[in-house]
């Protein structure tokens, strides 16, 4: 019994000596206590059960890398802007600042920026007109002259074309005039249409929406479905309203509604019957 106890005691002492030697060796090799983690406790000495997000890692997690702070770029002057988008954005920013905080400095900054933009626009306009003068394909004066003598000649040609167009239409077309007897503008429009009929030979058919008549058109026809026919079932709600109609095919073209001068009626008829969209522009 004593031998067994003695043997255990010897083993225990040897174990203590081994642990002491191991500790001394570790210190002699330069091992030092680990630095504390971001949480404040030593990762090596802490328990894997606290804190709960510690995890079962053989080694502590790497410290997060510190991203270098980006230096704010200096605000560019509006004169340094290189695109229209940047220029517009800056002028709007300066305007917002000047309106919301109308100090002398803020208002001055906006006005100076606005003057700069106006100067840019004026410079562009000057260059554009010089280019147009020297490039016939983009010079609008070739299509629509502005000289007085040229305008007079253009008006004479236009009137001749209008008269010819209406005269030719009078053979196959007529003008439907929808009115109401209590419509003030209809009473004013009637003598103009009568003059149009006498001047150009274009037949006018007055159609009454309420069964009444007008002095210039005492034999006006009552609307018995004519308005539904020319409008594809929509009907006529506004008076006066005028439609150009082919007497043979019954095909109709709306000229307009409301009070119109005779020159305007004639020009609309010419444009709608003798030209295509974009032809004169």
Protein backbone atom coordinates (compact mmCIF):
# COMPACT_ATOMS: atom_id res chain seq x y z
CA UNK A 1 0.00 0.00 0.00
CA UNK A 2 2.78 2.37 0.90
CA UNK A 3 4.60 1.53 -2.30
CA UNK A 4 1.56 2.38 -4.37
CA UNK A 5 1.11 5.70 -2.61
CA UNK A 6 4.78 6.49 -3.04
CA UNK A 7 4.62 5.69 -6.74
CA UNK A 8 1.65 8.02 -7.26
CA UNK A 9 3.35 10.79 -5.34
CA UNK A 10 6.47 10.45 -7.49
CA UNK A 11 4.37 10.61 -10.69
CA UNK A 12 2.58 13.73 -9.43
CA UNK A 13 5.86 15.46 -8.65
CA UNK A 14 7.29 14.59 -12.05
CA UNK A 15 4.21 16.01 -13.72
CA UNK A 16 4.58 19.30 -11.85
CA UNK A 17 8.22 19.51 -12.83
CA UNK A 18 7.36 18.87 -16.49
CA UNK A 19 4.71 21.59 -16.52
CA UNK A 20 7.11 24.04 -14.89
CA UNK A 21 9.81 23.30 -17.42
CA UNK A 22 7.36 23.69 -20.29
CA UNK A 23 6.24 27.09 -19.01
CA UNK A 24 9.82 28.26 -18.62
CA UNK A 25 10.62 27.11 -22.15
CA UNK A 26 7.66 29.00 -23.58
CA UNK A 27 8.72 32.21 -21.85
CA UNK A 28 12.30 31.72 -22.94
CA UNK A 29 11.19 31.40 -26.61
CA UNK A 30 9.50 34.77 -26.53
CA UNK A 31 5.85 33.71 -26.14
CA UNK A 32 3.83 36.45 -24.51
CA UNK A 33 0.28 36.86 -23.42
CA UNK A 34 -1.98 37.47 -26.43
CA UNK A 35 -3.45 40.88 -26.96
CA UNK A 36 -7.04 41.37 -26.10
CA UNK A 37 -9.63 41.09 -28.77
CA UNK A 38 -12.02 43.79 -29.85
CA UNK A 39 -14.45 42.56 -27.21
CA UNK A 40 -11.96 43.26 -24.40
CA UNK A 41 -11.31 39.65 -23.28
CA UNK A 42 -8.37 37.50 -24.30
CA UNK A 43 -9.45 35.18 -27.06
CA UNK A 44 -7.01 32.51 -25.90
CA UNK A 45 -8.10 32.60 -22.27
CA UNK A 46 -11.82 33.11 -22.91
CA UNK A 47 -14.42 30.42 -22.80
CA UNK A 48 -15.94 29.20 -26.10
CA UNK A 49 -19.34 29.53 -24.43
CA UNK A 50 -19.05 33.29 -23.78
CA UNK A 51 -19.80 35.47 -25.65
CA UNK A 52 -22.32 33.44 -27.67
CA UNK A 53 -21.00 34.75 -31.03
CA UNK A 54 -17.38 33.73 -30.28
CA UNK A 55 -17.50 30.53 -32.34
CA UNK A 56 -15.34 27.45 -32.18
CA UNK A 57 -12.23 28.68 -34.03
CA UNK A 58 -8.70 27.38 -33.59
CA UNK A 59 -7.43 30.93 -34.04
CA UNK A 60 -9.00 34.31 -33.28
CA UNK A 61 -10.64 36.15 -36.23
CA UNK A 62 -8.57 38.69 -38.10
CA UNK A 63 -9.03 42.27 -37.06
CA UNK A 64 -11.14 44.18 -39.61
CA UNK A 65 -9.05 46.16 -42.04
CA UNK A 66 -9.32 49.89 -41.79
CA UNK A 67 -10.39 51.42 -45.07
CA UNK A 68 -8.69 54.68 -45.87
CA UNK A 69 -11.06 57.61 -45.75
CA UNK A 70 -11.73 59.12 -49.15
CA UNK A 71 -10.90 62.74 -49.35
CA UNK A 72 -13.79 64.87 -50.53
CA UNK A 73 -13.10 66.25 -53.95
CA UNK A 74 -13.15 70.04 -54.11
CA UNK A 75 -16.29 71.56 -55.66
CA UNK A 76 -15.67 72.46 -59.29
CA UNK A 77 -16.44 75.94 -60.49
CA UNK A 78 -19.26 76.16 -62.99
CA UNK A 79 -16.71 77.39 -65.53
CA UNK A 80 -14.89 74.06 -65.17
CA UNK A 81 -17.96 71.97 -66.06
CA UNK A 82 -17.45 69.87 -69.18
CA UNK A 83 -20.97 68.57 -69.90
CA UNK A 84 -24.44 70.11 -70.19
CA UNK A 85 -25.69 67.70 -67.54
CA UNK A 86 -23.09 68.89 -65.01
CA UNK A 87 -23.70 72.53 -65.97
CA UNK A 88 -27.46 72.21 -65.51
CA UNK A 89 -27.04 70.37 -62.22
CA UNK A 90 -24.73 73.06 -60.84
CA UNK A 91 -26.93 75.96 -61.95
CA UNK A 92 -29.91 74.28 -60.29
CA UNK A 93 -27.93 73.73 -57.10
CA UNK A 94 -26.86 77.37 -56.97
CA UNK A 95 -30.43 78.46 -57.64
CA UNK A 96 -31.78 76.29 -54.83
CA UNK A 97 -29.19 77.67 -52.41
CA UNK A 98 -29.91 81.27 -53.45
CA UNK A 99 -33.68 80.86 -53.08
CA UNK A 100 -33.61 78.97 -49.79
CA UNK A 101 -30.81 81.07 -48.27
CA UNK A 102 -30.91 84.41 -50.11
CA UNK A 103 -27.74 85.93 -48.72
CA UNK A 104 -25.84 88.38 -50.87
CA UNK A 105 -23.08 85.84 -51.48
CA UNK A 106 -25.50 83.06 -52.50
CA UNK A 107 -27.51 85.30 -54.81
CA UNK A 108 -24.32 86.69 -56.35
CA UNK A 109 -23.00 83.17 -57.00
CA UNK A 110 -26.20 82.21 -58.78
CA UNK A 111 -26.34 85.38 -60.89
CA UNK A 112 -22.72 85.00 -61.92
CA UNK A 113 -23.35 81.39 -62.91
CA UNK A 114 -26.47 82.41 -64.81
CA UNK A 115 -24.55 85.10 -66.68
CA UNK A 116 -21.91 82.53 -67.60
CA UNK A 117 -24.57 80.17 -69.00
CA UNK A 118 -26.16 83.02 -70.99
CA UNK A 119 -22.78 83.90 -72.44
CA UNK A 120 -22.28 80.29 -73.49
CA UNK A 121 -25.70 80.25 -75.14
CA UNK A 122 -25.06 83.53 -76.95
CA UNK A 123 -21.75 82.24 -78.23
CA UNK A 124 -23.40 79.06 -79.49
CA UNK A 125 -26.15 81.05 -81.23
CA UNK A 126 -23.59 83.24 -82.97
CA UNK A 127 -21.60 80.23 -84.21
CA UNK A 128 -24.81 78.47 -85.29
CA UNK A 129 -25.99 81.35 -87.47
CA UNK A 130 -22.57 81.62 -89.11
CA UNK A 131 -22.65 77.91 -89.91
CA UNK A 132 -26.22 78.19 -91.27
CA UNK A 133 -25.27 81.07 -93.56
CA UNK A 134 -22.49 78.99 -95.09
CA UNK A 135 -24.41 75.69 -95.23
CA UNK A 136 -27.43 75.86 -97.57
CA UNK A 137 -28.81 72.51 -96.39
CA UNK A 138 -29.46 73.90 -92.88
CA UNK A 139 -30.31 77.50 -93.82
CA UNK A 140 -34.05 77.85 -93.22
CA UNK A 141 -34.09 81.04 -95.29
CA UNK A 142 -33.92 78.84 -98.38
CA UNK A 143 -37.30 77.35 -97.50
CA UNK A 144 -38.95 80.33 -95.88
CA UNK A 145 -37.39 83.65 -96.95
CA UNK A 146 -37.60 86.66 -94.65
CA UNK A 147 -36.87 89.45 -97.13
CA UNK A 148 -39.90 91.70 -97.70
CA UNK A 149 -39.93 91.34 -101.49
CA UNK A 150 -39.66 87.55 -101.15
CA UNK A 151 -42.50 87.48 -98.63
CA UNK A 152 -44.72 89.46 -101.01
CA UNK A 153 -44.00 87.04 -103.81
CA UNK A 154 -44.64 84.10 -101.50
CA UNK A 155 -48.01 85.54 -100.45
CA UNK A 156 -49.01 86.08 -104.07
CA UNK A 157 -48.10 82.49 -104.91
CA UNK A 158 -50.01 81.28 -101.85
CA UNK A 159 -53.19 83.16 -102.79
CA UNK A 160 -53.00 81.82 -106.32
CA UNK A 161 -52.59 78.28 -105.01
CA UNK A 162 -55.51 78.76 -102.61
CA UNK A 163 -57.82 80.02 -105.31
CA UNK A 164 -56.86 77.22 -107.68
CA UNK A 165 -57.31 74.58 -104.97
CA UNK A 166 -60.78 75.83 -103.95
CA UNK A 167 -61.87 76.28 -107.56
CA UNK A 168 -60.91 72.70 -108.39
CA UNK A 169 -62.58 71.35 -105.25
CA UNK A 170 -65.85 73.11 -106.07
CA UNK A 171 -66.52 70.62 -108.86
CA UNK A 172 -66.64 67.57 -106.58
CA UNK A 173 -66.72 68.87 -103.00
CA UNK A 174 -68.98 70.89 -100.78
CA UNK A 175 -68.63 72.47 -97.33
CA UNK A 176 -70.94 71.30 -94.53
CA UNK A 177 -71.71 74.06 -92.02
CA UNK A 178 -73.13 72.73 -88.74
CA UNK A 179 -74.83 75.41 -86.63
CA UNK A 180 -77.49 76.18 -84.05
CA UNK A 181 -79.94 79.02 -84.40
CA UNK A 182 -79.13 80.37 -80.94
CA UNK A 183 -75.32 80.25 -81.46
CA UNK A 184 -73.82 83.77 -81.58
CA UNK A 185 -70.68 82.69 -83.41
CA UNK A 186 -72.78 80.79 -85.95
CA UNK A 187 -74.59 84.02 -86.86
CA UNK A 188 -71.18 85.69 -87.33
CA UNK A 189 -69.77 82.77 -89.33
CA UNK A 190 -72.68 82.51 -91.75
CA UNK A 191 -72.02 85.67 -93.83
CA UNK A 192 -68.33 84.73 -94.14
CA UNK A 193 -69.23 81.33 -95.53
CA UNK A 194 -71.70 82.92 -97.90
CA UNK A 195 -68.93 85.20 -99.17
CA UNK A 196 -66.66 82.16 -99.55
CA UNK A 197 -69.29 80.44 -101.65
CA UNK A 198 -69.73 83.46 -103.92
CA UNK A 199 -65.97 84.13 -104.26
CA UNK A 200 -64.67 80.62 -104.89
CA UNK A 201 -67.70 78.71 -106.12
CA UNK A 202 -67.50 76.16 -103.32
CA UNK A 203 -71.05 75.01 -102.45
CA UNK A 204 -72.05 75.49 -98.80
CA UNK A 205 -74.62 73.21 -97.17
CA UNK A 206 -75.89 74.54 -93.84
CA UNK A 207 -77.05 71.86 -91.40
CA UNK A 208 -79.10 72.91 -88.36
CA UNK A 209 -78.61 70.91 -85.18
CA UNK A 210 -81.70 72.43 -83.50
CA UNK A 211 -84.02 72.80 -86.48
CA UNK A 212 -83.64 76.62 -86.73
CA UNK A 213 -82.31 78.69 -89.61
CA UNK A 214 -79.98 81.62 -90.27
CA UNK A 215 -80.65 84.70 -92.43
CA UNK A 216 -77.93 83.73 -94.91
CA UNK A 217 -79.16 80.12 -95.06
CA UNK A 218 -82.96 80.17 -94.81
CA UNK A 219 -83.20 76.74 -96.44
CA UNK A 220 -80.81 75.04 -94.02
CA UNK A 221 -81.32 71.29 -93.68
CA UNK A 222 -82.26 69.70 -90.40
CA UNK A 223 -79.67 67.25 -89.06
CA UNK A 224 -81.20 63.88 -89.93
CA UNK A 225 -78.06 61.85 -89.31
CA UNK A 226 -75.66 63.92 -91.43
CA UNK A 227 -73.51 64.79 -88.38
CA UNK A 228 -73.26 61.10 -87.43
CA UNK A 229 -72.24 60.18 -90.98
CA UNK A 230 -69.37 62.67 -91.30
CA UNK A 231 -68.03 61.97 -87.79
CA UNK A 232 -68.19 58.16 -87.95
CA UNK A 233 -70.90 58.05 -85.32
CA UNK A 234 -69.41 60.63 -82.93
CA UNK A 235 -71.79 63.47 -83.69
CA UNK A 236 -71.16 67.22 -83.64
CA UNK A 237 -71.16 68.91 -80.22
CA UNK A 238 -69.46 72.25 -80.98
CA UNK A 239 -70.87 74.97 -83.23
CA UNK A 240 -69.97 76.32 -85.65
CA UNK A 241 -68.21 73.29 -87.16
CA UNK A 242 -67.20 72.82 -90.82
CA UNK A 243 -66.48 69.68 -92.83
CA UNK A 244 -65.30 69.34 -96.41
CA UNK A 245 -67.18 66.46 -98.05
CA UNK A 246 -66.86 64.69 -101.38
CA UNK A 247 -70.34 64.72 -102.85
CA UNK A 248 -69.79 61.45 -104.73
CA UNK A 249 -67.92 59.30 -102.19
CA UNK A 250 -69.25 61.02 -99.02
CA UNK A 251 -65.69 61.08 -97.67
CA UNK A 252 -65.36 63.96 -95.20
CA UNK A 253 -62.48 66.02 -93.79
CA UNK A 254 -62.93 68.28 -90.78
CA UNK A 255 -61.84 71.86 -91.50
CA UNK A 256 -62.29 73.18 -87.99
CA UNK A 257 -64.67 74.40 -85.32
CA UNK A 258 -65.34 77.78 -83.80
CA UNK A 259 -65.36 81.15 -85.57
CA UNK A 260 -62.85 81.23 -88.46
CA UNK A 261 -61.86 83.99 -90.89
CA UNK A 262 -62.31 83.29 -94.58
CA UNK A 263 -58.56 83.36 -95.27
CA UNK A 264 -58.04 80.79 -92.54
CA UNK A 265 -60.75 78.51 -93.95
CA UNK A 266 -59.28 78.75 -97.45
CA UNK A 267 -55.75 78.04 -96.20
CA UNK A 268 -56.88 75.03 -94.20
CA UNK A 269 -58.70 73.60 -97.19
CA UNK A 270 -55.60 74.06 -99.36
CA UNK A 271 -53.26 72.46 -96.82
CA UNK A 272 -55.53 69.51 -96.06
CA UNK A 273 -56.28 68.71 -99.70
CA UNK A 274 -53.08 69.54 -101.61
CA UNK A 275 -50.13 68.98 -99.25
CA UNK A 276 -48.68 66.19 -97.13
CA UNK A 277 -47.55 66.51 -93.49
CA UNK A 278 -44.13 68.19 -93.31
CA UNK A 279 -44.13 69.25 -96.96
CA UNK A 280 -44.07 72.97 -96.24
CA UNK A 281 -41.81 72.93 -93.20
